[in-house]
């Protein structure tokens, strides 16, 4: 069997298999559902990459083509269903990811680690902009969580929204505190020439 290795199952492949575990459907319907359910907040969803993920799953015998359907004058669309192997792989991968932390490398951490290459005032201003944007993201999540509550959506379907809200809130709290410390001078920072931008002081830890 062409079952892929554990690390070969991308986030989008997991999302596709989870949809097909509900019922057979064609890729365009998968795309519509992923967008409607706002799963684009969790995985990168593009029509091309989705079709590629389905093709890969088909080659690995995680899904099977199950005929076609036509709506009006639209082209025929191939329906897919999950196989037993696909269901087994899906559940195994979910269990593995829940159990074992996976090293992740968010690009913001890189920027934060290298923020000392910018003047203090610039970093304070940039982080202020980030706080505004993350504040809007928090408000959007609050709206989605409230919508789910009003519409009696079972918590198991939207618990990820609670997790995302908690992590964004913790991120915001830390950034705001760090920005305040930086702005007050409580954090030692390198100095830069305001005209040339050249570093005026050298961090002994880097020399």
C-alpha atoms as a PDB file:
ATOM      1  CA  UNK A   1       0.000   0.000   0.000  1.00  0.00           C
ATOM      2  CA  UNK A   2       1.174   3.514  -0.670  1.00  0.00           C
ATOM      3  CA  UNK A   3       0.555   4.814   2.827  1.00  0.00           C
ATOM      4  CA  UNK A   4       2.625   7.952   3.426  1.00  0.00           C
ATOM      5  CA  UNK A   5       4.945   8.342   6.388  1.00  0.00           C
ATOM      6  CA  UNK A   6       3.600  10.120   9.431  1.00  0.00           C
ATOM      7  CA  UNK A   7       5.360  13.361   8.586  1.00  0.00           C
ATOM      8  CA  UNK A   8       4.091  13.293   4.985  1.00  0.00           C
ATOM      9  CA  UNK A   9       0.525  14.147   5.998  1.00  0.00           C
ATOM     10  CA  UNK A  10       0.285  17.908   5.680  1.00  0.00           C
ATOM     11  CA  UNK A  11      -2.215  20.039   7.623  1.00  0.00           C
ATOM     12  CA  UNK A  12      -4.258  20.422   4.434  1.00  0.00           C
ATOM     13  CA  UNK A  13      -4.262  16.641   3.887  1.00  0.00           C
ATOM     14  CA  UNK A  14      -5.548  16.194   7.443  1.00  0.00           C
ATOM     15  CA  UNK A  15      -8.329  18.698   6.754  1.00  0.00           C
ATOM     16  CA  UNK A  16      -9.267  16.931   3.497  1.00  0.00           C
ATOM     17  CA  UNK A  17      -9.405  13.495   5.117  1.00  0.00           C
ATOM     18  CA  UNK A  18     -11.485  14.880   7.982  1.00  0.00           C
ATOM     19  CA  UNK A  19     -14.016  16.277   5.501  1.00  0.00           C
ATOM     20  CA  UNK A  20     -14.196  12.998   3.609  1.00  0.00           C
ATOM     21  CA  UNK A  21     -14.676  11.159   6.887  1.00  0.00           C
ATOM     22  CA  UNK A  22     -17.985  13.057   7.079  1.00  0.00           C
ATOM     23  CA  UNK A  23     -19.145  12.070   3.588  1.00  0.00           C
ATOM     24  CA  UNK A  24     -17.893  11.731  -0.007  1.00  0.00           C
ATOM     25  CA  UNK A  25     -17.490  15.045  -1.816  1.00  0.00           C
ATOM     26  CA  UNK A  26     -15.653  16.708  -4.671  1.00  0.00           C
ATOM     27  CA  UNK A  27     -12.671  19.067  -4.179  1.00  0.00           C
ATOM     28  CA  UNK A  28     -14.621  22.257  -4.887  1.00  0.00           C
ATOM     29  CA  UNK A  29     -17.139  21.344  -2.199  1.00  0.00           C
ATOM     30  CA  UNK A  30     -14.230  20.672   0.167  1.00  0.00           C
ATOM     31  CA  UNK A  31     -12.832  24.112  -0.603  1.00  0.00           C
ATOM     32  CA  UNK A  32     -16.187  25.795  -0.002  1.00  0.00           C
ATOM     33  CA  UNK A  33     -16.634  23.999   3.328  1.00  0.00           C
ATOM     34  CA  UNK A  34     -13.150  24.812   4.536  1.00  0.00           C
ATOM     35  CA  UNK A  35     -13.701  28.511   3.818  1.00  0.00           C
ATOM     36  CA  UNK A  36     -17.244  28.526   5.256  1.00  0.00           C
ATOM     37  CA  UNK A  37     -15.997  26.900   8.452  1.00  0.00           C
ATOM     38  CA  UNK A  38     -13.064  29.371   8.613  1.00  0.00           C
ATOM     39  CA  UNK A  39     -10.559  26.547   8.590  1.00  0.00           C
ATOM     40  CA  UNK A  40      -8.416  28.878   6.508  1.00  0.00           C
ATOM     41  CA  UNK A  41      -7.411  30.212   9.948  1.00  0.00           C
ATOM     42  CA  UNK A  42      -5.794  26.835  10.618  1.00  0.00           C
ATOM     43  CA  UNK A  43      -4.359  25.745   7.253  1.00  0.00           C
ATOM     44  CA  UNK A  44      -3.415  27.460   4.019  1.00  0.00           C
ATOM     45  CA  UNK A  45      -6.374  26.827   1.718  1.00  0.00           C
ATOM     46  CA  UNK A  46      -5.937  27.438  -2.009  1.00  0.00           C
ATOM     47  CA  UNK A  47      -7.830  25.602  -4.784  1.00  0.00           C
ATOM     48  CA  UNK A  48      -4.623  24.495  -6.462  1.00  0.00           C
ATOM     49  CA  UNK A  49      -3.006  23.184  -3.301  1.00  0.00           C
ATOM     50  CA  UNK A  50      -6.243  21.443  -2.317  1.00  0.00           C
ATOM     51  CA  UNK A  51      -6.450  19.595  -5.644  1.00  0.00           C
ATOM     52  CA  UNK A  52      -2.783  18.643  -5.225  1.00  0.00           C
ATOM     53  CA  UNK A  53      -3.477  17.305  -1.724  1.00  0.00           C
ATOM     54  CA  UNK A  54      -6.371  15.206  -3.030  1.00  0.00           C
ATOM     55  CA  UNK A  55      -4.197  13.836  -5.847  1.00  0.00           C
ATOM     56  CA  UNK A  56      -1.477  12.919  -3.354  1.00  0.00           C
ATOM     57  CA  UNK A  57      -3.980  11.189  -1.070  1.00  0.00           C
ATOM     58  CA  UNK A  58      -5.378   9.312  -4.075  1.00  0.00           C
ATOM     59  CA  UNK A  59      -1.906   8.131  -5.065  1.00  0.00           C
ATOM     60  CA  UNK A  60      -1.286   7.013  -1.470  1.00  0.00           C
ATOM     61  CA  UNK A  61      -4.633   5.150  -1.450  1.00  0.00           C
ATOM     62  CA  UNK A  62      -5.959   7.264   1.391  1.00  0.00           C
ATOM     63  CA  UNK A  63      -8.945   8.216  -0.797  1.00  0.00           C
ATOM     64  CA  UNK A  64     -10.705   6.709  -3.800  1.00  0.00           C
ATOM     65  CA  UNK A  65     -12.463   8.354  -6.729  1.00  0.00           C
ATOM     66  CA  UNK A  66     -16.153   7.473  -6.571  1.00  0.00           C
ATOM     67  CA  UNK A  67     -17.654   8.710  -9.818  1.00  0.00           C
ATOM     68  CA  UNK A  68     -18.686  12.156 -10.953  1.00  0.00           C
ATOM     69  CA  UNK A  69     -21.551  14.586 -10.533  1.00  0.00           C
ATOM     70  CA  UNK A  70     -22.726  17.519 -12.644  1.00  0.00           C
ATOM     71  CA  UNK A  71     -24.595  20.631 -11.498  1.00  0.00           C
ATOM     72  CA  UNK A  72     -26.345  22.467 -14.335  1.00  0.00           C
ATOM     73  CA  UNK A  73     -23.956  23.443 -17.091  1.00  0.00           C
ATOM     74  CA  UNK A  74     -20.891  23.115 -14.883  1.00  0.00           C
ATOM     75  CA  UNK A  75     -18.187  20.569 -15.751  1.00  0.00           C
ATOM     76  CA  UNK A  76     -18.394  17.144 -14.179  1.00  0.00           C
ATOM     77  CA  UNK A  77     -16.675  16.911 -10.820  1.00  0.00           C
ATOM     78  CA  UNK A  78     -15.022  13.799  -9.466  1.00  0.00           C
ATOM     79  CA  UNK A  79     -16.297  12.648  -6.083  1.00  0.00           C
ATOM     80  CA  UNK A  80     -13.891  11.180  -3.553  1.00  0.00           C
ATOM     81  CA  UNK A  81     -14.367   9.079  -0.451  1.00  0.00           C
ATOM     82  CA  UNK A  82     -11.990   8.157   2.343  1.00  0.00           C
ATOM     83  CA  UNK A  83     -10.643   4.610   2.503  1.00  0.00           C
ATOM     84  CA  UNK A  84     -10.160   2.512   5.615  1.00  0.00           C
ATOM     85  CA  UNK A  85      -6.434   3.178   5.309  1.00  0.00           C
ATOM     86  CA  UNK A  86      -7.113   6.899   5.067  1.00  0.00           C
ATOM     87  CA  UNK A  87      -9.331   6.851   8.142  1.00  0.00           C
ATOM     88  CA  UNK A  88      -6.715   4.911  10.079  1.00  0.00           C
ATOM     89  CA  UNK A  89      -3.969   7.327   9.005  1.00  0.00           C
ATOM     90  CA  UNK A  90      -6.116  10.356   9.861  1.00  0.00           C
ATOM     91  CA  UNK A  91      -6.910   9.178  13.372  1.00  0.00           C
ATOM     92  CA  UNK A  92      -3.349   8.070  13.982  1.00  0.00           C
ATOM     93  CA  UNK A  93      -1.937  11.425  12.882  1.00  0.00           C
ATOM     94  CA  UNK A  94      -4.404  13.395  15.015  1.00  0.00           C
ATOM     95  CA  UNK A  95      -3.541  11.246  18.038  1.00  0.00           C
ATOM     96  CA  UNK A  96       0.176  11.728  17.418  1.00  0.00           C
ATOM     97  CA  UNK A  97      -0.117  15.501  17.148  1.00  0.00           C
ATOM     98  CA  UNK A  98      -2.240  15.715  20.291  1.00  0.00           C
ATOM     99  CA  UNK A  99       0.240  13.584  22.222  1.00  0.00           C
ATOM    100  CA  UNK A 100       3.630  14.870  21.110  1.00  0.00           C
ATOM    101  CA  UNK A 101       4.725  18.524  20.844  1.00  0.00           C
ATOM    102  CA  UNK A 102       6.208  19.222  17.424  1.00  0.00           C
ATOM    103  CA  UNK A 103       8.978  21.829  17.049  1.00  0.00           C
ATOM    104  CA  UNK A 104       7.501  24.849  15.291  1.00  0.00           C
ATOM    105  CA  UNK A 105       9.353  27.888  14.047  1.00  0.00           C
ATOM    106  CA  UNK A 106       7.026  30.920  13.931  1.00  0.00           C
ATOM    107  CA  UNK A 107       8.726  33.725  12.018  1.00  0.00           C
ATOM    108  CA  UNK A 108       7.761  36.268  14.699  1.00  0.00           C
ATOM    109  CA  UNK A 109      10.203  34.587  17.074  1.00  0.00           C
ATOM    110  CA  UNK A 110      13.008  35.221  14.592  1.00  0.00           C
ATOM    111  CA  UNK A 111      12.031  38.901  14.314  1.00  0.00           C
ATOM    112  CA  UNK A 112      11.847  39.228  18.096  1.00  0.00           C
ATOM    113  CA  UNK A 113      15.254  37.584  18.552  1.00  0.00           C
ATOM    114  CA  UNK A 114      16.771  40.045  16.076  1.00  0.00           C
ATOM    115  CA  UNK A 115      14.775  43.125  17.093  1.00  0.00           C
ATOM    116  CA  UNK A 116      17.894  44.601  18.736  1.00  0.00           C
ATOM    117  CA  UNK A 117      19.095  45.412  15.207  1.00  0.00           C
ATOM    118  CA  UNK A 118      16.498  48.209  15.119  1.00  0.00           C
ATOM    119  CA  UNK A 119      16.358  51.365  17.244  1.00  0.00           C
ATOM    120  CA  UNK A 120      14.315  51.158  20.427  1.00  0.00           C
ATOM    121  CA  UNK A 121      11.726  53.697  19.253  1.00  0.00           C
ATOM    122  CA  UNK A 122      11.206  51.812  15.997  1.00  0.00           C
ATOM    123  CA  UNK A 123      10.639  48.508  17.801  1.00  0.00           C
ATOM    124  CA  UNK A 124       8.162  50.130  20.190  1.00  0.00           C
ATOM    125  CA  UNK A 125       6.205  51.579  17.254  1.00  0.00           C
ATOM    126  CA  UNK A 126       6.224  48.334  15.275  1.00  0.00           C
ATOM    127  CA  UNK A 127       5.077  46.269  18.228  1.00  0.00           C
ATOM    128  CA  UNK A 128       2.334  48.826  18.811  1.00  0.00           C
ATOM    129  CA  UNK A 129       1.075  48.178  15.279  1.00  0.00           C
ATOM    130  CA  UNK A 130       1.202  44.437  15.943  1.00  0.00           C
ATOM    131  CA  UNK A 131      -0.841  44.869  19.108  1.00  0.00           C
ATOM    132  CA  UNK A 132      -3.540  46.699  17.130  1.00  0.00           C
ATOM    133  CA  UNK A 133      -3.713  43.946  14.515  1.00  0.00           C
ATOM    134  CA  UNK A 134      -3.750  41.157  17.087  1.00  0.00           C
ATOM    135  CA  UNK A 135      -6.415  43.038  19.006  1.00  0.00           C
ATOM    136  CA  UNK A 136      -8.593  42.915  15.897  1.00  0.00           C
ATOM    137  CA  UNK A 137      -7.873  39.205  15.505  1.00  0.00           C
ATOM    138  CA  UNK A 138      -8.969  38.726  19.111  1.00  0.00           C
ATOM    139  CA  UNK A 139     -12.199  40.612  18.450  1.00  0.00           C
ATOM    140  CA  UNK A 140     -12.867  38.476  15.374  1.00  0.00           C
ATOM    141  CA  UNK A 141     -12.383  35.295  17.393  1.00  0.00           C
ATOM    142  CA  UNK A 142     -14.707  36.611  20.102  1.00  0.00           C
ATOM    143  CA  UNK A 143     -17.355  37.197  17.436  1.00  0.00           C
ATOM    144  CA  UNK A 144     -16.954  33.662  16.071  1.00  0.00           C
ATOM    145  CA  UNK A 145     -17.103  32.128  19.538  1.00  0.00           C
ATOM    146  CA  UNK A 146     -20.245  34.111  20.329  1.00  0.00           C
ATOM    147  CA  UNK A 147     -21.825  33.076  17.017  1.00  0.00           C
ATOM    148  CA  UNK A 148     -21.125  29.435  17.853  1.00  0.00           C
ATOM    149  CA  UNK A 149     -22.682  29.880  21.300  1.00  0.00           C
ATOM    150  CA  UNK A 150     -25.813  31.588  19.970  1.00  0.00           C
ATOM    151  CA  UNK A 151     -26.233  28.910  17.301  1.00  0.00           C
ATOM    152  CA  UNK A 152     -25.661  26.078  19.785  1.00  0.00           C
ATOM    153  CA  UNK A 153     -22.659  24.701  17.910  1.00  0.00           C
ATOM    154  CA  UNK A 154     -21.264  21.774  19.946  1.00  0.00           C
ATOM    155  CA  UNK A 155     -18.105  22.830  21.734  1.00  0.00           C
ATOM    156  CA  UNK A 156     -16.088  19.975  20.197  1.00  0.00           C
ATOM    157  CA  UNK A 157     -16.351  21.709  16.811  1.00  0.00           C
ATOM    158  CA  UNK A 158     -15.098  25.096  17.963  1.00  0.00           C
ATOM    159  CA  UNK A 159     -12.726  24.348  20.842  1.00  0.00           C
ATOM    160  CA  UNK A 160      -9.856  25.377  18.565  1.00  0.00           C
ATOM    161  CA  UNK A 161     -11.268  28.919  18.582  1.00  0.00           C
ATOM    162  CA  UNK A 162     -10.957  28.976  22.367  1.00  0.00           C
ATOM    163  CA  UNK A 163      -7.366  27.770  22.101  1.00  0.00           C
ATOM    164  CA  UNK A 164      -6.512  30.376  19.469  1.00  0.00           C
ATOM    165  CA  UNK A 165      -8.066  33.109  21.594  1.00  0.00           C
ATOM    166  CA  UNK A 166      -6.097  32.035  24.666  1.00  0.00           C
ATOM    167  CA  UNK A 167      -2.788  31.938  22.806  1.00  0.00           C
ATOM    168  CA  UNK A 168      -3.353  35.299  21.100  1.00  0.00           C
ATOM    169  CA  UNK A 169      -4.367  36.867  24.432  1.00  0.00           C
ATOM    170  CA  UNK A 170      -1.228  35.524  26.124  1.00  0.00           C
ATOM    171  CA  UNK A 171       0.860  36.783  23.187  1.00  0.00           C
ATOM    172  CA  UNK A 172      -0.742  40.224  23.433  1.00  0.00           C
ATOM    173  CA  UNK A 173      -0.218  40.455  27.186  1.00  0.00           C
ATOM    174  CA  UNK A 174       3.469  39.618  26.851  1.00  0.00           C
ATOM    175  CA  UNK A 175       4.078  42.023  23.955  1.00  0.00           C
ATOM    176  CA  UNK A 176       2.349  44.877  25.745  1.00  0.00           C
ATOM    177  CA  UNK A 177       4.410  44.312  28.893  1.00  0.00           C
ATOM    178  CA  UNK A 178       7.652  44.013  26.938  1.00  0.00           C
ATOM    179  CA  UNK A 179       6.835  47.138  24.918  1.00  0.00           C
ATOM    180  CA  UNK A 180       6.209  49.063  28.123  1.00  0.00           C
ATOM    181  CA  UNK A 181       9.525  47.851  29.584  1.00  0.00           C
ATOM    182  CA  UNK A 182      11.353  48.754  26.390  1.00  0.00           C
ATOM    183  CA  UNK A 183       9.751  52.179  26.142  1.00  0.00           C
ATOM    184  CA  UNK A 184      10.575  52.998  29.767  1.00  0.00           C
ATOM    185  CA  UNK A 185      14.252  52.117  29.354  1.00  0.00           C
ATOM    186  CA  UNK A 186      14.030  49.091  31.628  1.00  0.00           C
ATOM    187  CA  UNK A 187      15.466  46.959  28.816  1.00  0.00           C
ATOM    188  CA  UNK A 188      19.058  47.731  27.788  1.00  0.00           C
ATOM    189  CA  UNK A 189      19.160  48.476  24.076  1.00  0.00           C
ATOM    190  CA  UNK A 190      21.761  49.282  21.485  1.00  0.00           C
ATOM    191  CA  UNK A 191      22.046  52.844  20.192  1.00  0.00           C
ATOM    192  CA  UNK A 192      21.923  53.921  16.546  1.00  0.00           C
ATOM    193  CA  UNK A 193      22.911  57.096  14.750  1.00  0.00           C
ATOM    194  CA  UNK A 194      19.603  58.796  13.814  1.00  0.00           C
ATOM    195  CA  UNK A 195      21.045  60.017  10.499  1.00  0.00           C
ATOM    196  CA  UNK A 196      23.184  57.159   9.214  1.00  0.00           C
ATOM    197  CA  UNK A 197      21.474  54.334  11.029  1.00  0.00           C
ATOM    198  CA  UNK A 198      24.867  52.984  12.073  1.00  0.00           C
ATOM    199  CA  UNK A 199      25.079  51.138  15.388  1.00  0.00           C
ATOM    200  CA  UNK A 200      26.794  53.344  17.968  1.00  0.00           C
ATOM    201  CA  UNK A 201      27.185  50.740  20.692  1.00  0.00           C
ATOM    202  CA  UNK A 202      28.141  47.106  20.456  1.00  0.00           C
ATOM    203  CA  UNK A 203      26.558  44.527  22.713  1.00  0.00           C
ATOM    204  CA  UNK A 204      29.470  42.895  24.590  1.00  0.00           C
ATOM    205  CA  UNK A 205      27.585  39.590  24.477  1.00  0.00           C
ATOM    206  CA  UNK A 206      27.819  39.697  20.670  1.00  0.00           C
ATOM    207  CA  UNK A 207      31.463  40.741  20.435  1.00  0.00           C
END
